[in-house]
C-alpha atoms as a PDB file:
ATOM      1  CA  MET A   1     188.608 243.533 -10.260  1.00  0.00           C
ATOM      2  CA  LEU A   2     189.874 246.006  -7.603  1.00  0.00           C
ATOM      3  CA  GLU A   3     186.460 247.477  -6.767  1.00  0.00           C
ATOM      4  CA  GLY A   4     186.098 248.587  -3.293  1.00  0.00           C
ATOM      5  CA  TRP A   5     189.870 248.542  -2.758  1.00  0.00           C
ATOM      6  CA  LEU A   6     191.740 251.832  -1.789  1.00  0.00           C
ATOM      7  CA  ILE A   7     195.269 252.572  -2.343  1.00  0.00           C
ATOM      8  CA  THR A   8     196.695 253.485   1.010  1.00  0.00           C
ATOM      9  CA  GLN A   9     200.225 253.612   0.861  1.00  0.00           C
ATOM     10  CA  ARG A  10     202.995 253.840  -1.885  1.00  0.00           C
ATOM     11  CA  ASN A  11     206.283 251.972  -1.104  1.00  0.00           C
ATOM     12  CA  LEU A  12     209.109 253.059  -3.523  1.00  0.00           C
ATOM     13  CA  SER A  13     208.046 251.136  -6.673  1.00  0.00           C
ATOM     14  CA  LYS A  14     205.151 249.008  -5.426  1.00  0.00           C
ATOM     15  CA  GLU A  15     201.765 250.028  -4.206  1.00  0.00           C
ATOM     16  CA  ILE A  16     200.019 248.393  -0.908  1.00  0.00           C
ATOM     17  CA  PHE A  17     196.329 247.768  -1.236  1.00  0.00           C
ATOM     18  CA  MET A  18     194.270 247.607   1.569  1.00  0.00           C
ATOM     19  CA  PHE A  19     190.419 246.804   1.527  1.00  0.00           C
ATOM     20  CA  ASP A  20     187.805 249.275   2.823  1.00  0.00           C
ATOM     21  CA  ARG A  21     187.069 247.871   6.410  1.00  0.00           C
ATOM     22  CA  LYS A  22     183.723 247.255   8.050  1.00  0.00           C
ATOM     23  CA  ARG A  23     183.211 246.440  11.499  1.00  0.00           C
ATOM     24  CA  HIS A  24     180.115 244.710  12.424  1.00  0.00           C
ATOM     25  CA  LEU A  25     177.668 246.013  15.314  1.00  0.00           C
ATOM     26  CA  PHE A  26     178.567 243.528  17.972  1.00  0.00           C
ATOM     27  CA  LEU A  27     182.412 244.033  17.729  1.00  0.00           C
ATOM     28  CA  THR A  28     181.739 247.840  17.657  1.00  0.00           C
ATOM     29  CA  LEU A  29     179.673 247.534  20.712  1.00  0.00           C
ATOM     30  CA  TRP A  30     182.115 245.039  22.738  1.00  0.00           C
ATOM     31  CA  LEU A  31     184.986 247.154  22.226  1.00  0.00           C
ATOM     32  CA  MET A  32     183.195 250.101  23.444  1.00  0.00           C
ATOM     33  CA  VAL A  33     182.155 247.975  26.552  1.00  0.00           C
ATOM     34  CA  ILE A  34     185.745 246.964  27.099  1.00  0.00           C
ATOM     35  CA  ILE A  35     187.010 250.590  26.880  1.00  0.00           C
ATOM     36  CA  GLY A  36     184.456 251.889  28.967  1.00  0.00           C
ATOM     37  CA  ALA A  37     184.698 249.195  31.788  1.00  0.00           C
ATOM     38  CA  ASN A  38     188.484 249.748  31.662  1.00  0.00           C
ATOM     39  CA  PHE A  39     188.323 253.263  32.172  1.00  0.00           C
ATOM     40  CA  MET A  40     185.868 252.908  34.972  1.00  0.00           C
ATOM     41  CA  GLU A  41     188.335 250.162  36.696  1.00  0.00           C
ATOM     42  CA  MET A  42     191.122 252.640  36.262  1.00  0.00           C
ATOM     43  CA  ILE A  43     189.127 255.488  38.066  1.00  0.00           C
ATOM     44  CA  ARG A  44     187.857 252.891  40.913  1.00  0.00           C
ATOM     45  CA  GLN A  45     191.497 251.690  41.424  1.00  0.00           C
ATOM     46  CA  PHE A  46     192.883 255.251  41.666  1.00  0.00           C
ATOM     47  CA  TYR A  47     190.138 257.312  43.583  1.00  0.00           C
ATOM     48  CA  PHE A  48     188.480 254.341  45.471  1.00  0.00           C
ATOM     49  CA  ARG A  49     191.430 252.236  46.524  1.00  0.00           C
ATOM     50  CA  GLU A  50     190.508 252.564  50.265  1.00  0.00           C
ATOM     51  CA  MET A  51     187.382 250.157  49.363  1.00  0.00           C
ATOM     52  CA  PHE A  52     189.814 247.502  47.930  1.00  0.00           C
ATOM     53  CA  LEU A  53     192.230 247.900  50.976  1.00  0.00           C
ATOM     54  CA  GLU A  54     189.200 247.142  53.315  1.00  0.00           C
ATOM     55  CA  THR A  55     187.977 244.301  50.975  1.00  0.00           C
ATOM     56  CA  TYR A  56     191.229 242.756  50.753  1.00  0.00           C
ATOM     57  CA  PRO A  57     193.456 243.945  53.599  1.00  0.00           C
ATOM     58  CA  GLN A  58     196.175 241.420  53.013  1.00  0.00           C
ATOM     59  CA  ALA A  59     197.085 242.634  49.799  1.00  0.00           C
ATOM     60  CA  PRO A  60     199.827 245.219  49.403  1.00  0.00           C
ATOM     61  CA  GLU A  61     198.775 248.564  47.979  1.00  0.00           C
ATOM     62  CA  TRP A  62     201.003 248.005  45.039  1.00  0.00           C
ATOM     63  CA  VAL A  63     198.625 245.328  43.658  1.00  0.00           C
ATOM     64  CA  PHE A  64     195.818 247.740  43.135  1.00  0.00           C
ATOM     65  CA  VAL A  65     198.036 250.643  41.511  1.00  0.00           C
ATOM     66  CA  SER A  66     199.162 247.903  39.186  1.00  0.00           C
ATOM     67  CA  ILE A  67     195.642 247.025  38.373  1.00  0.00           C
ATOM     68  CA  GLY A  68     194.757 250.603  37.860  1.00  0.00           C
ATOM     69  CA  LEU A  69     197.776 250.988  35.504  1.00  0.00           C
ATOM     70  CA  LEU A  70     196.936 247.686  33.333  1.00  0.00           C
ATOM     71  CA  ALA A  71     193.280 249.146  33.028  1.00  0.00           C
ATOM     72  CA  GLY A  72     194.689 252.331  31.572  1.00  0.00           C
ATOM     73  CA  VAL A  73     196.802 250.198  29.389  1.00  0.00           C
ATOM     74  CA  ASN A  74     193.519 247.988  28.166  1.00  0.00           C
ATOM     75  CA  VAL A  75     191.886 251.429  27.312  1.00  0.00           C
ATOM     76  CA  ALA A  76     194.800 252.188  25.149  1.00  0.00           C
ATOM     77  CA  LEU A  77     194.574 248.636  23.514  1.00  0.00           C
ATOM     78  CA  GLY A  78     190.941 248.876  23.192  1.00  0.00           C
ATOM     79  CA  ILE A  79     191.508 252.137  20.975  1.00  0.00           C
ATOM     80  CA  ALA A  80     194.398 250.328  19.088  1.00  0.00           C
ATOM     81  CA  LEU A  81     191.832 247.415  18.166  1.00  0.00           C
ATOM     82  CA  PHE A  82     189.297 250.198  16.957  1.00  0.00           C
ATOM     83  CA  LEU A  83     192.231 251.244  14.708  1.00  0.00           C
ATOM     84  CA  TRP A  84     192.501 247.704  13.410  1.00  0.00           C
ATOM     85  CA  LYS A  85     195.900 246.847  15.160  1.00  0.00           C
ATOM     86  CA  LYS A  86     196.322 242.988  15.800  1.00  0.00           C
ATOM     87  CA  TRP A  87     198.912 243.435  18.112  1.00  0.00           C
ATOM     88  CA  ALA A  88     196.548 245.155  20.554  1.00  0.00           C
ATOM     89  CA  PHE A  89     194.613 242.055  20.735  1.00  0.00           C
ATOM     90  CA  TRP A  90     197.595 240.042  22.201  1.00  0.00           C
ATOM     91  CA  GLY A  91     198.584 243.062  24.258  1.00  0.00           C
ATOM     92  CA  PHE A  92     195.094 242.853  25.617  1.00  0.00           C
ATOM     93  CA  LEU A  93     195.288 239.239  26.324  1.00  0.00           C
ATOM     94  CA  LEU A  94     198.479 239.502  28.305  1.00  0.00           C
ATOM     95  CA  SER A  95     197.028 242.660  30.274  1.00  0.00           C
ATOM     96  CA  SER A  96     194.066 240.936  31.285  1.00  0.00           C
ATOM     97  CA  LEU A  97     195.821 237.848  32.298  1.00  0.00           C
ATOM     98  CA  GLY A  98     198.133 240.159  34.330  1.00  0.00           C
ATOM     99  CA  VAL A  99     195.087 241.901  36.013  1.00  0.00           C
ATOM    100  CA  THR A 100     193.539 238.530  36.939  1.00  0.00           C
ATOM    101  CA  LEU A 101     196.939 237.159  38.513  1.00  0.00           C
ATOM    102  CA  LEU A 102     196.924 240.473  40.515  1.00  0.00           C
ATOM    103  CA  TYR A 103     193.410 239.987  41.608  1.00  0.00           C
ATOM    104  CA  LEU A 104     194.248 236.657  42.643  1.00  0.00           C
ATOM    105  CA  LYS A 105     197.224 237.684  44.544  1.00  0.00           C
ATOM    106  CA  ALA A 106     195.074 240.208  46.304  1.00  0.00           C
ATOM    107  CA  GLY A 107     192.852 237.378  47.476  1.00  0.00           C
ATOM    108  CA  ALA A 108     189.983 237.640  45.215  1.00  0.00           C
ATOM    109  CA  GLY A 109     188.311 234.371  44.192  1.00  0.00           C
ATOM    110  CA  ILE A 110     186.881 232.887  41.138  1.00  0.00           C
ATOM    111  CA  GLN A 111     185.301 235.794  39.842  1.00  0.00           C
ATOM    112  CA  THR A 112     188.687 237.169  38.759  1.00  0.00           C
ATOM    113  CA  LEU A 113     188.262 234.905  35.808  1.00  0.00           C
ATOM    114  CA  LEU A 114     185.622 237.258  34.417  1.00  0.00           C
ATOM    115  CA  GLY A 115     188.625 239.340  32.858  1.00  0.00           C
ATOM    116  CA  LEU A 116     189.645 236.251  30.724  1.00  0.00           C
ATOM    117  CA  THR A 117     185.956 235.797  29.841  1.00  0.00           C
ATOM    118  CA  VAL A 118     185.812 239.401  28.385  1.00  0.00           C
ATOM    119  CA  VAL A 119     189.107 238.436  26.102  1.00  0.00           C
ATOM    120  CA  ALA A 120     187.237 235.027  25.053  1.00  0.00           C
ATOM    121  CA  VAL A 121     184.267 237.270  24.071  1.00  0.00           C
ATOM    122  CA  LEU A 122     186.502 239.679  22.241  1.00  0.00           C
ATOM    123  CA  TYR A 123     187.871 236.960  20.301  1.00  0.00           C
ATOM    124  CA  PHE A 124     184.428 235.423  19.334  1.00  0.00           C
ATOM    125  CA  ALA A 125     183.453 238.945  18.354  1.00  0.00           C
ATOM    126  CA  LEU A 126     186.530 239.527  16.052  1.00  0.00           C
ATOM    127  CA  ARG A 127     185.744 235.914  14.465  1.00  0.00           C
ATOM    128  CA  LEU A 128     182.051 236.827  13.735  1.00  0.00           C
ATOM    129  CA  GLY A 129     180.672 238.664  10.794  1.00  0.00           C
ATOM    130  CA  GLY A 130     180.774 236.669   7.544  1.00  0.00           C
ATOM    131  CA  GLU A 131     182.386 239.079   5.306  1.00  0.00           C
ATOM    132  CA  ASN A 132     183.029 241.596   7.983  1.00  0.00           C
ATOM    133  CA  LYS A 133     185.178 239.203  10.156  1.00  0.00           C
ATOM    134  CA  GLY A 134     187.286 241.480  12.182  1.00  0.00           C
ATOM    135  CA  TRP A 135     190.189 239.183  12.785  1.00  0.00           C
ATOM    136  CA  TYR A 136     191.157 239.148   9.224  1.00  0.00           C
ATOM    137  CA  GLN A 137     190.963 242.857   8.874  1.00  0.00           C
ATOM    138  CA  LEU A 138     193.475 243.483  11.652  1.00  0.00           C
ATOM    139  CA  ASP A 139     196.871 244.741  10.636  1.00  0.00           C
END
């Protein structure tokens, strides 16, 4: 009856069982894209900030520093999603919403909604997979 289940923790007198988790390929690839893209965004904001200041001269510099910091947060949240943490999805959603608002403050156009599209695809990827649905495997 408990085939495929692993005992992962003992809590005083009761045992907590968790199943052996499996992530489907699309979710794995999408998490890698998210981590890589946010890492590149973080590098871009901190080392090539002058380019953004020229593109959006009316935007204060703190906007780009904040975007770089939130990109770093998104990298950490992407890693937490690899470790099956549901709170990381909600954090990623909030962080991406914050980045979108900061880009709008900087004066960027409709392309800022791309960050929210990334979250929508992540949600879709977590819901795919039949028996390997990632959403139900998150802690």
